[in-house]
Amino acid sequence: MRGLFTEAMAQAAAGVAVVTVRDGRDDLGVTVTSLTSVSLDPPLVLVGLTSTSYLTEVLLRRDRWAASLLADGQQAIASRFAAAGRPGARLLLSGAAHHRGPHSDALVVDGGVAAIEVETTQVVPAGDHTLFIAEVRNIDYVNAAKAPFVRLRGRYRPVL
């Protein structure tokens, strides 16, 4: 059932984003395809992370974080943040345009289709994942002229 479930869910295209958080002097991040809009009033998003991940542990302590929705051409950034045993986010963004978000102090990837800063309002355990529901506090940028970057059938793909 598990393999068939994974294959079935791979048929749904999902936007690729990088979630980042500042934890003291360290910056952490991960590539996700689980960033979802939940509500317009108030503006809420949801992201699901593996419950045993270090980023989950940090987000349980740090309420403010950022999500950069990647554009076609940012495949290398997505791959860097998806790699196991990756170094800190600052090293992963070396050579890539980025800045600190004014609300979250988290790293924001420039050049994507959008970037938001949020504050967690609710945490929900869900199977082997933890869901973080967060209110959008700042929309750093929106660039609708760029093509979004998605994951479909286990591969990163541009939207044509």
Protein backbone atom coordinates (compact mmCIF):
# COMPACT_ATOMS: atom_id res chain seq x y z
CA MET A 1 0.00 0.00 0.00
CA ARG A 2 2.81 2.44 0.92
CA GLY A 3 4.50 2.25 -2.52
CA LEU A 4 1.21 2.56 -4.35
CA PHE A 5 0.23 5.53 -2.17
CA THR A 6 3.54 7.26 -2.97
CA GLU A 7 3.02 6.62 -6.68
CA ALA A 8 -0.56 7.90 -6.56
CA MET A 9 0.43 11.13 -4.80
CA ALA A 10 3.30 11.67 -7.26
CA GLN A 11 0.67 12.22 -9.95
CA ALA A 12 -0.31 15.55 -8.39
CA ALA A 13 1.89 18.48 -9.40
CA ALA A 14 3.09 20.55 -6.43
CA GLY A 15 4.93 23.84 -6.27
CA VAL A 16 8.51 23.70 -5.01
CA ALA A 17 9.46 26.01 -2.14
CA VAL A 18 12.34 26.44 0.27
CA VAL A 19 11.37 26.91 3.92
CA THR A 20 13.98 28.71 6.02
CA VAL A 21 14.30 29.72 9.65
CA ARG A 22 16.94 31.52 11.68
CA ASP A 23 17.92 29.77 14.87
CA GLY A 24 20.26 32.04 16.79
CA ARG A 25 23.41 32.35 14.68
CA ASP A 26 22.43 29.43 12.44
CA ASP A 27 20.18 29.36 9.38
CA LEU A 28 18.31 26.21 8.40
CA GLY A 29 16.19 25.29 5.43
CA VAL A 30 14.61 22.50 3.43
CA THR A 31 12.94 22.02 0.07
CA VAL A 32 9.21 21.27 0.34
CA THR A 33 6.33 20.52 -1.99
CA SER A 34 3.77 20.66 0.80
CA LEU A 35 3.26 24.42 1.10
CA THR A 36 -0.47 25.03 0.78
CA SER A 37 -2.81 27.99 1.12
CA VAL A 38 -5.36 27.35 3.87
CA SER A 39 -7.31 30.58 4.38
CA LEU A 40 -7.67 34.07 2.93
CA ASP A 41 -9.02 35.73 6.09
CA PRO A 42 -6.74 35.56 7.93
CA PRO A 43 -4.11 34.63 5.33
CA LEU A 44 -2.88 31.19 6.42
CA VAL A 45 -0.55 28.62 4.88
CA LEU A 46 0.34 25.09 5.89
CA VAL A 47 3.57 23.16 5.50
CA GLY A 48 4.14 19.52 6.42
CA LEU A 49 7.57 18.34 7.62
CA THR A 50 8.87 14.97 8.73
CA SER A 51 8.34 14.88 12.49
CA THR A 52 11.84 13.57 13.21
CA SER A 53 13.65 16.27 11.21
CA TYR A 54 15.86 18.85 12.87
CA LEU A 55 13.96 21.62 11.08
CA THR A 56 10.74 20.42 12.74
CA GLU A 57 12.49 20.59 16.11
CA VAL A 58 13.59 24.16 15.39
CA LEU A 59 10.16 25.27 14.12
CA LEU A 60 8.65 24.00 17.36
CA ARG A 61 10.87 26.63 19.10
CA ARG A 62 10.86 29.39 16.48
CA ASP A 63 7.49 30.73 15.34
CA ARG A 64 8.72 32.98 12.53
CA TRP A 65 9.98 31.54 9.26
CA ALA A 66 10.00 32.20 5.52
CA ALA A 67 8.99 30.32 2.39
CA SER A 68 10.45 31.13 -1.03
CA LEU A 69 8.43 29.70 -3.92
CA LEU A 70 10.97 28.80 -6.57
CA ALA A 71 10.90 29.65 -10.26
CA ASP A 72 12.07 27.67 -13.24
CA GLY A 73 15.85 27.98 -13.34
CA GLN A 74 16.24 27.51 -9.58
CA GLN A 75 16.58 23.72 -9.76
CA ALA A 76 20.06 23.83 -8.19
CA ILE A 77 18.70 25.62 -5.11
CA ALA A 78 15.89 23.07 -4.75
CA SER A 79 18.39 20.20 -5.02
CA ARG A 80 20.80 21.74 -2.51
CA PHE A 81 18.08 22.15 0.12
CA ALA A 82 16.74 18.63 -0.52
CA ALA A 83 20.09 16.85 -0.08
CA ALA A 84 20.62 14.72 3.02
CA GLY A 85 23.26 15.95 5.46
CA ARG A 86 23.20 19.43 3.96
CA PRO A 87 25.15 22.28 5.60
CA GLY A 88 23.55 25.48 6.90
CA ALA A 89 21.32 27.56 4.64
CA ARG A 90 23.86 30.38 4.27
CA LEU A 91 26.32 27.97 2.64
CA LEU A 92 23.58 26.49 0.44
CA LEU A 93 22.74 29.96 -0.84
CA SER A 94 26.34 30.90 -1.50
CA GLY A 95 26.41 32.43 -4.97
CA ALA A 96 22.60 32.74 -5.11
CA ALA A 97 20.83 36.06 -4.60
CA HIS A 98 19.10 36.20 -1.22
CA HIS A 99 18.36 38.50 1.70
CA ARG A 100 16.96 38.40 5.24
CA GLY A 101 13.25 38.87 5.63
CA PRO A 102 12.33 41.89 7.76
CA HIS A 103 9.67 40.02 9.77
CA SER A 104 11.23 36.58 10.28
CA ASP A 105 14.95 37.35 9.95
CA ALA A 106 15.06 34.12 7.91
CA LEU A 107 16.87 33.88 4.59
CA VAL A 108 14.68 34.61 1.57
CA VAL A 109 15.68 33.34 -1.86
CA ASP A 110 15.51 36.08 -4.50
CA GLY A 111 14.33 35.47 -8.05
CA GLY A 112 11.50 33.05 -7.33
CA VAL A 113 7.82 33.49 -8.12
CA ALA A 114 6.98 34.66 -4.57
CA ALA A 115 8.29 34.80 -1.03
CA ILE A 116 6.37 35.07 2.22
CA GLU A 117 7.19 35.42 5.88
CA VAL A 118 4.92 33.76 8.39
CA GLU A 119 4.29 33.13 12.06
CA THR A 120 3.16 29.70 13.23
CA THR A 121 -0.28 29.74 14.87
CA GLN A 122 -0.99 26.02 15.17
CA VAL A 123 1.00 22.76 15.14
CA VAL A 124 -0.76 19.50 14.28
CA PRO A 125 0.81 16.03 14.54
CA ALA A 126 -0.24 13.98 11.49
CA GLY A 127 1.17 10.48 11.09
CA ASP A 128 4.93 10.67 10.50
CA HIS A 129 4.70 14.42 9.76
CA THR A 130 4.05 17.60 11.70
CA LEU A 131 1.85 20.25 10.10
CA PHE A 132 2.66 23.88 10.76
CA ILE A 133 -0.21 26.29 10.12
CA ALA A 134 1.06 29.85 9.95
CA GLU A 135 -0.32 33.33 9.39
CA VAL A 136 1.30 35.33 6.60
CA ARG A 137 2.86 38.44 8.13
CA ASN A 138 4.76 39.74 5.11
CA ILE A 139 4.69 39.14 1.37
CA ASP A 140 8.28 39.82 0.43
CA TYR A 141 7.70 39.75 -3.33
CA VAL A 142 5.51 38.31 -6.09
CA ASN A 143 6.83 37.83 -9.62
CA ALA A 144 3.97 36.48 -11.75
CA ALA A 145 6.03 36.97 -14.92
CA LYS A 146 8.29 34.04 -13.99
CA ALA A 147 7.37 30.40 -14.60
CA PRO A 148 6.83 28.45 -11.36
CA PHE A 149 8.84 25.34 -10.60
CA VAL A 150 6.98 22.13 -9.69
CA ARG A 151 7.55 18.53 -8.73
CA LEU A 152 5.57 15.92 -10.65
CA ARG A 153 6.06 12.16 -10.84
CA GLY A 154 9.16 12.31 -8.66
CA ARG A 155 10.98 14.91 -10.74
CA TYR A 156 11.42 18.66 -10.72
CA ARG A 157 9.82 20.26 -13.78
CA PRO A 158 9.22 23.74 -15.16
CA VAL A 159 5.66 24.79 -15.90
CA LEU A 160 5.47 25.47 -19.62
